[in-house]
């Protein structure tokens, strides 16, 4: 039986979950929490100040693209909970966006990502 080998994936998660007036603080707190993650590396967080949309990109080791997306979503969800410091509705809205189908995901092998 052949063993599956994991590889590094580049995953982008985009979702609109943040009240516009707190998006900057939310982005900074989320970035700080992702930097402490043991699951993902080289995290980057961007936000659209006019819409509250957030885009998180990370690198993750996984066996497949589907497992990379699931792992990235889990790491971002954990980071949202650890970031704290904002209103309860912020946390709940971000979590709901991650759990619903209103999330845009992109995944590709990390070695195909242009730096």
PDB file of N, CA and C in Angstrom:
ATOM      1  N   UNK A   1       0.826  -1.173   0.000  1.00  0.00           N
ATOM      2  CA  UNK A   1       0.000   0.000   0.000  1.00  0.00           C
ATOM      3  C   UNK A   1       0.879   1.248   0.000  1.00  0.00           C
ATOM      4  N   UNK A   2       0.546   2.189  -0.844  1.00  0.00           N
ATOM      5  CA  UNK A   2       1.317   3.419  -0.935  1.00  0.00           C
ATOM      6  C   UNK A   2       0.868   4.412   0.128  1.00  0.00           C
ATOM      7  N   UNK A   3       1.843   5.042   0.749  1.00  0.00           N
ATOM      8  CA  UNK A   3       1.526   6.078   1.718  1.00  0.00           C
ATOM      9  C   UNK A   3       1.320   7.400   0.992  1.00  0.00           C
ATOM     10  N   UNK A   4       0.336   8.135   1.447  1.00  0.00           N
ATOM     11  CA  UNK A   4       0.120   9.459   0.883  1.00  0.00           C
ATOM     12  C   UNK A   4       1.156  10.412   1.465  1.00  0.00           C
ATOM     13  N   UNK A   5       1.655  11.282   0.622  1.00  0.00           N
ATOM     14  CA  UNK A   5       2.629  12.269   1.071  1.00  0.00           C
ATOM     15  C   UNK A   5       1.969  13.641   1.128  1.00  0.00           C
ATOM     16  N   UNK A   6       2.233  14.344   2.194  1.00  0.00           N
ATOM     17  CA  UNK A   6       1.687  15.689   2.272  1.00  0.00           C
ATOM     18  C   UNK A   6       2.571  16.629   1.467  1.00  0.00           C
ATOM     19  N   UNK A   7       1.989  17.731   1.095  1.00  0.00           N
ATOM     20  CA  UNK A   7       2.746  18.762   0.407  1.00  0.00           C
ATOM     21  C   UNK A   7       2.272  20.105   0.910  1.00  0.00           C
ATOM     22  N   UNK A   8       2.989  21.133   0.573  1.00  0.00           N
ATOM     23  CA  UNK A   8       2.634  22.474   1.021  1.00  0.00           C
ATOM     24  C   UNK A   8       1.674  23.090   0.008  1.00  0.00           C
ATOM     25  N   UNK A   9       0.617  23.711   0.542  1.00  0.00           N
ATOM     26  CA  UNK A   9      -0.422  24.359  -0.261  1.00  0.00           C
ATOM     27  C   UNK A   9      -0.517  25.828   0.108  1.00  0.00           C
ATOM     28  N   UNK A  10      -0.904  26.646  -0.861  1.00  0.00           N
ATOM     29  CA  UNK A  10      -1.197  28.060  -0.648  1.00  0.00           C
ATOM     30  C   UNK A  10      -2.712  28.198  -0.695  1.00  0.00           C
ATOM     31  N   UNK A  11      -3.300  28.675   0.385  1.00  0.00           N
ATOM     32  CA  UNK A  11      -4.757  28.766   0.498  1.00  0.00           C
ATOM     33  C   UNK A  11      -5.147  30.220   0.767  1.00  0.00           C
ATOM     34  N   UNK A  12      -6.166  30.680   0.044  1.00  0.00           N
ATOM     35  CA  UNK A  12      -6.727  32.008   0.276  1.00  0.00           C
ATOM     36  C   UNK A  12      -8.189  31.844   0.663  1.00  0.00           C
ATOM     37  N   UNK A  13      -8.578  32.460   1.760  1.00  0.00           N
ATOM     38  CA  UNK A  13      -9.962  32.476   2.225  1.00  0.00           C
ATOM     39  C   UNK A  13     -10.436  33.926   2.192  1.00  0.00           C
ATOM     40  N   UNK A  14     -11.541  34.175   1.520  1.00  0.00           N
ATOM     41  CA  UNK A  14     -12.088  35.532   1.433  1.00  0.00           C
ATOM     42  C   UNK A  14     -13.527  35.509   1.919  1.00  0.00           C
ATOM     43  N   UNK A  15     -13.845  36.419   2.813  1.00  0.00           N
ATOM     44  CA  UNK A  15     -15.191  36.468   3.360  1.00  0.00           C
ATOM     45  C   UNK A  15     -15.497  37.872   3.853  1.00  0.00           C
ATOM     46  N   UNK A  16     -16.760  38.216   3.859  1.00  0.00           N
ATOM     47  CA  UNK A  16     -17.204  39.509   4.355  1.00  0.00           C
ATOM     48  C   UNK A  16     -17.925  39.316   5.667  1.00  0.00           C
ATOM     49  N   UNK A  17     -17.261  39.634   6.754  1.00  0.00           N
ATOM     50  CA  UNK A  17     -17.858  39.332   8.051  1.00  0.00           C
ATOM     51  C   UNK A  17     -17.727  40.443   9.067  1.00  0.00           C
ATOM     52  N   UNK A  18     -17.071  41.507   8.734  1.00  0.00           N
ATOM     53  CA  UNK A  18     -16.706  42.468   9.755  1.00  0.00           C
ATOM     54  C   UNK A  18     -17.448  43.785   9.615  1.00  0.00           C
ATOM     55  N   UNK A  19     -17.912  44.329  10.731  1.00  0.00           N
ATOM     56  CA  UNK A  19     -18.468  45.683  10.673  1.00  0.00           C
ATOM     57  C   UNK A  19     -17.385  46.640  10.175  1.00  0.00           C
ATOM     58  N   UNK A  20     -17.749  47.512   9.285  1.00  0.00           N
ATOM     59  CA  UNK A  20     -16.776  48.398   8.644  1.00  0.00           C
ATOM     60  C   UNK A  20     -15.996  49.220   9.655  1.00  0.00           C
ATOM     61  N   UNK A  21     -16.624  49.652  10.717  1.00  0.00           N
ATOM     62  CA  UNK A  21     -15.937  50.513  11.673  1.00  0.00           C
ATOM     63  C   UNK A  21     -14.890  49.783  12.514  1.00  0.00           C
ATOM     64  N   UNK A  22     -14.876  48.449  12.501  1.00  0.00           N
ATOM     65  CA  UNK A  22     -13.882  47.708  13.287  1.00  0.00           C
ATOM     66  C   UNK A  22     -12.951  46.866  12.414  1.00  0.00           C
ATOM     67  N   UNK A  23     -13.049  46.993  11.103  1.00  0.00           N
ATOM     68  CA  UNK A  23     -12.301  46.087  10.231  1.00  0.00           C
ATOM     69  C   UNK A  23     -10.784  46.234  10.389  1.00  0.00           C
ATOM     70  N   UNK A  24     -10.290  47.433  10.596  1.00  0.00           N
ATOM     71  CA  UNK A  24      -8.843  47.603  10.736  1.00  0.00           C
ATOM     72  C   UNK A  24      -8.317  46.910  11.993  1.00  0.00           C
ATOM     73  N   UNK A  25      -8.979  47.128  13.121  1.00  0.00           N
ATOM     74  CA  UNK A  25      -8.570  46.459  14.359  1.00  0.00           C
ATOM     75  C   UNK A  25      -8.718  44.945  14.227  1.00  0.00           C
ATOM     76  N   UNK A  26      -9.797  44.512  13.610  1.00  0.00           N
ATOM     77  CA  UNK A  26     -10.028  43.082  13.425  1.00  0.00           C
ATOM     78  C   UNK A  26      -8.905  42.460  12.604  1.00  0.00           C
ATOM     79  N   UNK A  27      -8.509  43.120  11.533  1.00  0.00           N
ATOM     80  CA  UNK A  27      -7.450  42.613  10.674  1.00  0.00           C
ATOM     81  C   UNK A  27      -6.129  42.492  11.444  1.00  0.00           C
ATOM     82  N   UNK A  28      -5.787  43.513  12.207  1.00  0.00           N
ATOM     83  CA  UNK A  28      -4.528  43.487  12.956  1.00  0.00           C
ATOM     84  C   UNK A  28      -4.542  42.398  14.035  1.00  0.00           C
ATOM     85  N   UNK A  29      -5.652  42.279  14.749  1.00  0.00           N
ATOM     86  CA  UNK A  29      -5.753  41.249  15.790  1.00  0.00           C
ATOM     87  C   UNK A  29      -5.724  39.848  15.189  1.00  0.00           C
ATOM     88  N   UNK A  30      -6.389  39.673  14.057  1.00  0.00           N
ATOM     89  CA  UNK A  30      -6.390  38.374  13.393  1.00  0.00           C
ATOM     90  C   UNK A  30      -4.987  38.020  12.912  1.00  0.00           C
ATOM     91  N   UNK A  31      -4.285  38.990  12.353  1.00  0.00           N
ATOM     92  CA  UNK A  31      -2.912  38.742  11.888  1.00  0.00           C
ATOM     93  C   UNK A  31      -2.017  38.330  13.050  1.00  0.00           C
ATOM     94  N   UNK A  32      -2.115  39.021  14.161  1.00  0.00           N
ATOM     95  CA  UNK A  32      -1.317  38.662  15.341  1.00  0.00           C
ATOM     96  C   UNK A  32      -1.602  37.229  15.778  1.00  0.00           C
ATOM     97  N   UNK A  33      -2.872  36.856  15.796  1.00  0.00           N
ATOM     98  CA  UNK A  33      -3.240  35.500  16.214  1.00  0.00           C
ATOM     99  C   UNK A  33      -2.735  34.461  15.218  1.00  0.00           C
ATOM    100  N   UNK A  34      -2.775  34.757  13.938  1.00  0.00           N
ATOM    101  CA  UNK A  34      -2.290  33.801  12.932  1.00  0.00           C
ATOM    102  C   UNK A  34      -0.780  33.612  13.007  1.00  0.00           C
ATOM    103  N   UNK A  35      -0.064  34.641  13.416  1.00  0.00           N
ATOM    104  CA  UNK A  35       1.393  34.514  13.533  1.00  0.00           C
ATOM    105  C   UNK A  35       1.783  33.484  14.585  1.00  0.00           C
ATOM    106  N   UNK A  36       0.904  33.243  15.551  1.00  0.00           N
ATOM    107  CA  UNK A  36       1.163  32.259  16.604  1.00  0.00           C
ATOM    108  C   UNK A  36       0.700  30.853  16.228  1.00  0.00           C
ATOM    109  N   UNK A  37       0.092  30.703  15.062  1.00  0.00           N
ATOM    110  CA  UNK A  37      -0.455  29.407  14.653  1.00  0.00           C
ATOM    111  C   UNK A  37       0.640  28.374  14.436  1.00  0.00           C
ATOM    112  N   UNK A  38       0.367  27.161  14.868  1.00  0.00           N
ATOM    113  CA  UNK A  38       1.279  26.038  14.633  1.00  0.00           C
ATOM    114  C   UNK A  38       0.878  25.275  13.366  1.00  0.00           C
ATOM    115  N   UNK A  39      -0.284  25.617  12.796  1.00  0.00           N
ATOM    116  CA  UNK A  39      -0.828  24.899  11.654  1.00  0.00           C
ATOM    117  C   UNK A  39      -0.473  25.547  10.328  1.00  0.00           C
ATOM    118  N   UNK A  40      -0.518  26.876  10.280  1.00  0.00           N
ATOM    119  CA  UNK A  40      -0.265  27.599   9.033  1.00  0.00           C
ATOM    120  C   UNK A  40       0.969  28.473   9.186  1.00  0.00           C
ATOM    121  N   UNK A  41       1.567  28.811   8.046  1.00  0.00           N
ATOM    122  CA  UNK A  41       2.745  29.680   8.047  1.00  0.00           C
ATOM    123  C   UNK A  41       2.548  30.806   7.048  1.00  0.00           C
ATOM    124  N   UNK A  42       3.387  31.812   7.174  1.00  0.00           N
ATOM    125  CA  UNK A  42       3.413  32.949   6.243  1.00  0.00           C
ATOM    126  C   UNK A  42       2.031  33.538   5.995  1.00  0.00           C
ATOM    127  N   UNK A  43       1.281  33.733   7.056  1.00  0.00           N
ATOM    128  CA  UNK A  43      -0.073  34.283   6.937  1.00  0.00           C
ATOM    129  C   UNK A  43      -0.022  35.744   6.503  1.00  0.00           C
ATOM    130  N   UNK A  44      -1.037  36.127   5.754  1.00  0.00           N
ATOM    131  CA  UNK A  44      -1.225  37.522   5.364  1.00  0.00           C
ATOM    132  C   UNK A  44      -2.714  37.816   5.429  1.00  0.00           C
ATOM    133  N   UNK A  45      -3.066  38.974   5.963  1.00  0.00           N
ATOM    134  CA  UNK A  45      -4.465  39.367   6.092  1.00  0.00           C
ATOM    135  C   UNK A  45      -4.631  40.735   5.456  1.00  0.00           C
ATOM    136  N   UNK A  46      -5.611  40.859   4.579  1.00  0.00           N
ATOM    137  CA  UNK A  46      -5.947  42.154   4.007  1.00  0.00           C
ATOM    138  C   UNK A  46      -7.431  42.408   4.228  1.00  0.00           C
ATOM    139  N   UNK A  47      -7.786  43.684   4.232  1.00  0.00           N
ATOM    140  CA  UNK A  47      -9.177  44.049   4.458  1.00  0.00           C
ATOM    141  C   UNK A  47      -9.571  45.194   3.543  1.00  0.00           C
ATOM    142  N   UNK A  48     -10.826  45.188   3.138  1.00  0.00           N
ATOM    143  CA  UNK A  48     -11.393  46.289   2.372  1.00  0.00           C
ATOM    144  C   UNK A  48     -12.159  47.171   3.350  1.00  0.00           C
ATOM    145  N   UNK A  49     -11.643  48.346   3.618  1.00  0.00           N
ATOM    146  CA  UNK A  49     -12.232  49.233   4.605  1.00  0.00           C
ATOM    147  C   UNK A  49     -13.635  49.693   4.274  1.00  0.00           C
ATOM    148  N   UNK A  50     -13.999  49.715   3.003  1.00  0.00           N
ATOM    149  CA  UNK A  50     -15.334  50.189   2.627  1.00  0.00           C
ATOM    150  C   UNK A  50     -16.399  49.109   2.734  1.00  0.00           C
ATOM    151  N   UNK A  51     -15.986  47.839   2.634  1.00  0.00           N
ATOM    152  CA  UNK A  51     -16.969  46.753   2.631  1.00  0.00           C
ATOM    153  C   UNK A  51     -16.862  45.840   3.839  1.00  0.00           C
ATOM    154  N   UNK A  52     -15.720  45.842   4.513  1.00  0.00           N
ATOM    155  CA  UNK A  52     -15.504  44.931   5.632  1.00  0.00           C
ATOM    156  C   UNK A  52     -15.052  43.551   5.201  1.00  0.00           C
ATOM    157  N   UNK A  53     -14.798  43.374   3.894  1.00  0.00           N
ATOM    158  CA  UNK A  53     -14.337  42.074   3.398  1.00  0.00           C
ATOM    159  C   UNK A  53     -12.916  41.808   3.872  1.00  0.00           C
ATOM    160  N   UNK A  54     -12.662  40.556   4.236  1.00  0.00           N
ATOM    161  CA  UNK A  54     -11.353  40.112   4.711  1.00  0.00           C
ATOM    162  C   UNK A  54     -10.837  39.034   3.768  1.00  0.00           C
ATOM    163  N   UNK A  55      -9.537  39.064   3.494  1.00  0.00           N
ATOM    164  CA  UNK A  55      -8.890  37.995   2.727  1.00  0.00           C
ATOM    165  C   UNK A  55      -7.685  37.530   3.525  1.00  0.00           C
ATOM    166  N   UNK A  56      -7.635  36.232   3.781  1.00  0.00           N
ATOM    167  CA  UNK A  56      -6.546  35.632   4.537  1.00  0.00           C
ATOM    168  C   UNK A  56      -5.830  34.644   3.619  1.00  0.00           C
ATOM    169  N   UNK A  57      -4.527  34.778   3.504  1.00  0.00           N
ATOM    170  CA  UNK A  57      -3.750  33.799   2.736  1.00  0.00           C
ATOM    171  C   UNK A  57      -2.725  33.158   3.660  1.00  0.00           C
ATOM    172  N   UNK A  58      -2.570  31.835   3.497  1.00  0.00           N
ATOM    173  CA  UNK A  58      -1.670  31.058   4.351  1.00  0.00           C
ATOM    174  C   UNK A  58      -1.041  29.928   3.549  1.00  0.00           C
ATOM    175  N   UNK A  59       0.034  29.398   4.081  1.00  0.00           N
ATOM    176  CA  UNK A  59       0.627  28.162   3.587  1.00  0.00           C
ATOM    177  C   UNK A  59       0.351  27.083   4.621  1.00  0.00           C
ATOM    178  N   UNK A  60       0.053  25.870   4.141  1.00  0.00           N
ATOM    179  CA  UNK A  60      -0.277  24.782   5.046  1.00  0.00           C
ATOM    180  C   UNK A  60       0.161  23.453   4.438  1.00  0.00           C
ATOM    181  N   UNK A  61       0.617  22.540   5.282  1.00  0.00           N
ATOM    182  CA  UNK A  61       0.938  21.176   4.868  1.00  0.00           C
ATOM    183  C   UNK A  61      -0.330  20.336   4.936  1.00  0.00           C
ATOM    184  N   UNK A  62      -0.624  19.602   3.857  1.00  0.00           N
ATOM    185  CA  UNK A  62      -1.816  18.757   3.836  1.00  0.00           C
ATOM    186  C   UNK A  62      -1.669  17.694   2.755  1.00  0.00           C
ATOM    187  N   UNK A  63      -2.520  16.669   2.853  1.00  0.00           N
ATOM    188  CA  UNK A  63      -2.481  15.566   1.895  1.00  0.00           C
ATOM    189  C   UNK A  63      -3.197  15.893   0.585  1.00  0.00           C
ATOM    190  N   UNK A  64      -4.140  16.835   0.620  1.00  0.00           N
ATOM    191  CA  UNK A  64      -4.930  17.136  -0.572  1.00  0.00           C
ATOM    192  C   UNK A  64      -5.394  18.589  -0.525  1.00  0.00           C
ATOM    193  N   UNK A  65      -5.868  19.106  -1.657  1.00  0.00           N
ATOM    194  CA  UNK A  65      -6.407  20.472  -1.644  1.00  0.00           C
ATOM    195  C   UNK A  65      -7.583  20.622  -0.676  1.00  0.00           C
ATOM    196  N   UNK A  66      -8.459  19.640  -0.626  1.00  0.00           N
ATOM    197  CA  UNK A  66      -9.612  19.716   0.279  1.00  0.00           C
ATOM    198  C   UNK A  66      -9.163  19.766   1.740  1.00  0.00           C
ATOM    199  N   UNK A  67      -8.171  18.952   2.092  1.00  0.00           N
ATOM    200  CA  UNK A  67      -7.668  18.962   3.465  1.00  0.00           C
ATOM    201  C   UNK A  67      -6.915  20.255   3.764  1.00  0.00           C
ATOM    202  N   UNK A  68      -6.296  20.848   2.743  1.00  0.00           N
ATOM    203  CA  UNK A  68      -5.621  22.136   2.935  1.00  0.00           C
ATOM    204  C   UNK A  68      -6.635  23.227   3.246  1.00  0.00           C
ATOM    205  N   UNK A  69      -7.758  23.237   2.519  1.00  0.00           N
ATOM    206  CA  UNK A  69      -8.797  24.229   2.775  1.00  0.00           C
ATOM    207  C   UNK A  69      -9.385  24.029   4.165  1.00  0.00           C
ATOM    208  N   UNK A  70      -9.706  22.787   4.505  1.00  0.00           N
ATOM    209  CA  UNK A  70     -10.270  22.498   5.824  1.00  0.00           C
ATOM    210  C   UNK A  70      -9.306  22.909   6.931  1.00  0.00           C
ATOM    211  N   UNK A  71      -8.030  22.593   6.767  1.00  0.00           N
ATOM    212  CA  UNK A  71      -7.035  22.963   7.771  1.00  0.00           C
ATOM    213  C   UNK A  71      -6.865  24.466   7.893  1.00  0.00           C
ATOM    214  N   UNK A  72      -6.873  25.161   6.760  1.00  0.00           N
ATOM    215  CA  UNK A  72      -6.749  26.619   6.784  1.00  0.00           C
ATOM    216  C   UNK A  72      -7.963  27.249   7.450  1.00  0.00           C
ATOM    217  N   UNK A  73      -9.159  26.749   7.127  1.00  0.00           N
ATOM    218  CA  UNK A  73     -10.368  27.272   7.750  1.00  0.00           C
ATOM    219  C   UNK A  73     -10.338  27.067   9.257  1.00  0.00           C
ATOM    220  N   UNK A  74      -9.872  25.913   9.682  1.00  0.00           N
ATOM    221  CA  UNK A  74      -9.776  25.621  11.110  1.00  0.00           C
ATOM    222  C   UNK A  74      -8.785  26.563  11.794  1.00  0.00           C
ATOM    223  N   UNK A  75      -7.636  26.781  11.155  1.00  0.00           N
ATOM    224  CA  UNK A  75      -6.620  27.666  11.732  1.00  0.00           C
ATOM    225  C   UNK A  75      -7.121  29.101  11.820  1.00  0.00           C
ATOM    226  N   UNK A  76      -7.844  29.560  10.797  1.00  0.00           N
ATOM    227  CA  UNK A  76      -8.376  30.922  10.819  1.00  0.00           C
ATOM    228  C   UNK A  76      -9.471  31.041  11.881  1.00  0.00           C
ATOM    229  N   UNK A  77     -10.311  30.023  11.963  1.00  0.00           N
ATOM    230  CA  UNK A  77     -11.360  30.029  12.982  1.00  0.00           C
ATOM    231  C   UNK A  77     -10.739  30.099  14.380  1.00  0.00           C
ATOM    232  N   UNK A  78      -9.720  29.299  14.619  1.00  0.00           N
ATOM    233  CA  UNK A  78      -9.030  29.318  15.920  1.00  0.00           C
ATOM    234  C   UNK A  78      -8.402  30.686  16.174  1.00  0.00           C
ATOM    235  N   UNK A  79      -7.813  31.274  15.142  1.00  0.00           N
ATOM    236  CA  UNK A  79      -7.189  32.590  15.289  1.00  0.00           C
ATOM    237  C   UNK A  79      -8.229  33.659  15.597  1.00  0.00           C
ATOM    238  N   UNK A  80      -9.407  33.547  14.990  1.00  0.00           N
ATOM    239  CA  UNK A  80     -10.482  34.498  15.283  1.00  0.00           C
ATOM    240  C   UNK A  80     -10.835  34.427  16.767  1.00  0.00           C
ATOM    241  N   UNK A  81     -10.952  33.221  17.288  1.00  0.00           N
ATOM    242  CA  UNK A  81     -11.289  33.066  18.701  1.00  0.00           C
ATOM    243  C   UNK A  81     -10.177  33.594  19.606  1.00  0.00           C
ATOM    244  N   UNK A  82      -8.932  33.378  19.209  1.00  0.00           N
ATOM    245  CA  UNK A  82      -7.811  33.841  20.028  1.00  0.00           C
ATOM    246  C   UNK A  82      -7.575  35.337  19.909  1.00  0.00           C
ATOM    247  N   UNK A  83      -8.018  35.954  18.808  1.00  0.00           N
ATOM    248  CA  UNK A  83      -7.730  37.374  18.601  1.00  0.00           C
ATOM    249  C   UNK A  83      -8.476  38.261  19.576  1.00  0.00           C
ATOM    250  N   UNK A  84      -9.695  37.878  19.939  1.00  0.00           N
ATOM    251  CA  UNK A  84     -10.453  38.597  20.966  1.00  0.00           C
ATOM    252  C   UNK A  84     -10.397  40.107  20.837  1.00  0.00           C
ATOM    253  N   UNK A  85     -10.754  40.768  21.918  1.00  0.00           N
ATOM    254  CA  UNK A  85     -10.623  42.214  21.981  1.00  0.00           C
ATOM    255  C   UNK A  85     -11.672  43.000  21.228  1.00  0.00           C
ATOM    256  N   UNK A  86     -12.576  42.349  20.541  1.00  0.00           N
ATOM    257  CA  UNK A  86     -13.613  43.058  19.808  1.00  0.00           C
ATOM    258  C   UNK A  86     -14.977  42.586  20.268  1.00  0.00           C
ATOM    259  N   UNK A  87     -15.989  43.236  19.800  1.00  0.00           N
ATOM    260  CA  UNK A  87     -17.355  42.917  20.209  1.00  0.00           C
ATOM    261  C   UNK A  87     -17.712  41.477  19.873  1.00  0.00           C
ATOM    262  N   UNK A  88     -18.581  40.896  20.672  1.00  0.00           N
ATOM    263  CA  UNK A  88     -19.013  39.510  20.476  1.00  0.00           C
ATOM    264  C   UNK A  88     -19.572  39.292  19.074  1.00  0.00           C
ATOM    265  N   UNK A  89     -20.322  40.254  18.555  1.00  0.00           N
ATOM    266  CA  UNK A  89     -20.907  40.069  17.226  1.00  0.00           C
ATOM    267  C   UNK A  89     -19.842  39.961  16.138  1.00  0.00           C
ATOM    268  N   UNK A  90     -18.682  40.572  16.352  1.00  0.00           N
ATOM    269  CA  UNK A  90     -17.579  40.454  15.399  1.00  0.00           C
ATOM    270  C   UNK A  90     -17.137  38.997  15.303  1.00  0.00           C
ATOM    271  N   UNK A  91     -16.912  38.396  16.444  1.00  0.00           N
ATOM    272  CA  UNK A  91     -16.498  37.001  16.508  1.00  0.00           C
ATOM    273  C   UNK A  91     -17.536  36.090  15.854  1.00  0.00           C
ATOM    274  N   UNK A  92     -18.785  36.304  16.193  1.00  0.00           N
ATOM    275  CA  UNK A  92     -19.855  35.464  15.665  1.00  0.00           C
ATOM    276  C   UNK A  92     -20.028  35.631  14.156  1.00  0.00           C
ATOM    277  N   UNK A  93     -19.920  36.858  13.655  1.00  0.00           N
ATOM    278  CA  UNK A  93     -20.076  37.108  12.226  1.00  0.00           C
ATOM    279  C   UNK A  93     -18.947  36.459  11.435  1.00  0.00           C
ATOM    280  N   UNK A  94     -17.726  36.552  11.942  1.00  0.00           N
ATOM    281  CA  UNK A  94     -16.591  35.944  11.257  1.00  0.00           C
ATOM    282  C   UNK A  94     -16.727  34.427  11.233  1.00  0.00           C
ATOM    283  N   UNK A  95     -17.115  33.858  12.349  1.00  0.00           N
ATOM    284  CA  UNK A  95     -17.295  32.411  12.427  1.00  0.00           C
ATOM    285  C   UNK A  95     -18.400  31.952  11.476  1.00  0.00           C
ATOM    286  N   UNK A  96     -19.489  32.693  11.425  1.00  0.00           N
ATOM    287  CA  UNK A  96     -20.609  32.337  10.540  1.00  0.00           C
ATOM    288  C   UNK A  96     -20.175  32.367   9.079  1.00  0.00           C
ATOM    289  N   UNK A  97     -19.365  33.340   8.701  1.00  0.00           N
ATOM    290  CA  UNK A  97     -18.895  33.419   7.317  1.00  0.00           C
ATOM    291  C   UNK A  97     -18.007  32.230   6.969  1.00  0.00           C
ATOM    292  N   UNK A  98     -17.184  31.811   7.921  1.00  0.00           N
ATOM    293  CA  UNK A  98     -16.319  30.657   7.674  1.00  0.00           C
ATOM    294  C   UNK A  98     -17.124  29.366   7.557  1.00  0.00           C
ATOM    295  N   UNK A  99     -18.193  29.243   8.335  1.00  0.00           N
ATOM    296  CA  UNK A  99     -18.970  28.013   8.361  1.00  0.00           C
ATOM    297  C   UNK A  99     -20.020  27.943   7.257  1.00  0.00           C
ATOM    298  N   UNK A 100     -20.403  29.078   6.705  1.00  0.00           N
ATOM    299  CA  UNK A 100     -21.429  29.090   5.657  1.00  0.00           C
ATOM    300  C   UNK A 100     -20.790  28.869   4.291  1.00  0.00           C
ATOM    301  N   UNK A 101     -21.585  28.840   3.291  1.00  0.00           N
ATOM    302  CA  UNK A 101     -21.080  28.720   1.930  1.00  0.00           C
ATOM    303  C   UNK A 101     -20.699  30.056   1.330  1.00  0.00           C
ATOM    304  N   UNK A 102     -20.749  31.129   2.127  1.00  0.00           N
ATOM    305  CA  UNK A 102     -20.448  32.467   1.634  1.00  0.00           C
ATOM    306  C   UNK A 102     -18.961  32.781   1.748  1.00  0.00           C
ATOM    307  N   UNK A 103     -18.161  31.818   1.497  1.00  0.00           N
ATOM    308  CA  UNK A 103     -16.717  31.929   1.630  1.00  0.00           C
ATOM    309  C   UNK A 103     -16.080  31.584   0.289  1.00  0.00           C
ATOM    310  N   UNK A 104     -15.208  32.429  -0.201  1.00  0.00           N
ATOM    311  CA  UNK A 104     -14.495  32.145  -1.441  1.00  0.00           C
ATOM    312  C   UNK A 104     -13.140  31.550  -1.072  1.00  0.00           C
ATOM    313  N   UNK A 105     -12.836  30.383  -1.607  1.00  0.00           N
ATOM    314  CA  UNK A 105     -11.558  29.746  -1.307  1.00  0.00           C
ATOM    315  C   UNK A 105     -10.777  29.502  -2.593  1.00  0.00           C
ATOM    316  N   UNK A 106      -9.486  29.626  -2.470  1.00  0.00           N
ATOM    317  CA  UNK A 106      -8.567  29.308  -3.550  1.00  0.00           C
ATOM    318  C   UNK A 106      -7.464  28.461  -2.952  1.00  0.00           C
ATOM    319  N   UNK A 107      -7.107  27.388  -3.633  1.00  0.00           N
ATOM    320  CA  UNK A 107      -6.007  26.554  -3.153  1.00  0.00           C
ATOM    321  C   UNK A 107      -5.183  26.106  -4.349  1.00  0.00           C
ATOM    322  N   UNK A 108      -3.877  26.123  -4.165  1.00  0.00           N
ATOM    323  CA  UNK A 108      -2.987  25.617  -5.217  1.00  0.00           C
ATOM    324  C   UNK A 108      -1.687  25.175  -4.559  1.00  0.00           C
ATOM    325  N   UNK A 109      -0.970  24.276  -5.228  1.00  0.00           N
ATOM    326  CA  UNK A 109       0.313  23.845  -4.659  1.00  0.00           C
ATOM    327  C   UNK A 109       1.230  25.043  -4.437  1.00  0.00           C
ATOM    328  N   UNK A 110       1.891  25.077  -3.324  1.00  0.00           N
ATOM    329  CA  UNK A 110       2.739  26.219  -2.972  1.00  0.00           C
ATOM    330  C   UNK A 110       3.863  26.430  -3.977  1.00  0.00           C
ATOM    331  N   UNK A 111       4.346  25.359  -4.578  1.00  0.00           N
ATOM    332  CA  UNK A 111       5.444  25.520  -5.530  1.00  0.00           C
ATOM    333  C   UNK A 111       4.989  26.178  -6.832  1.00  0.00           C
ATOM    334  N   UNK A 112       3.684  26.369  -7.016  1.00  0.00           N
ATOM    335  CA  UNK A 112       3.178  27.062  -8.195  1.00  0.00           C
ATOM    336  C   UNK A 112       2.812  28.510  -7.915  1.00  0.00           C
ATOM    337  N   UNK A 113       3.104  28.970  -6.702  1.00  0.00           N
ATOM    338  CA  UNK A 113       2.800  30.348  -6.329  1.00  0.00           C
ATOM    339  C   UNK A 113       3.983  31.238  -6.698  1.00  0.00           C
ATOM    340  N   UNK A 114       3.706  32.299  -7.428  1.00  0.00           N
ATOM    341  CA  UNK A 114       4.752  33.252  -7.786  1.00  0.00           C
ATOM    342  C   UNK A 114       4.986  34.178  -6.605  1.00  0.00           C
ATOM    343  N   UNK A 115       6.222  34.353  -6.241  1.00  0.00           N
ATOM    344  CA  UNK A 115       6.540  35.234  -5.106  1.00  0.00           C
ATOM    345  C   UNK A 115       6.611  36.665  -5.527  1.00  0.00           C
TER     346      UNK A 115
END
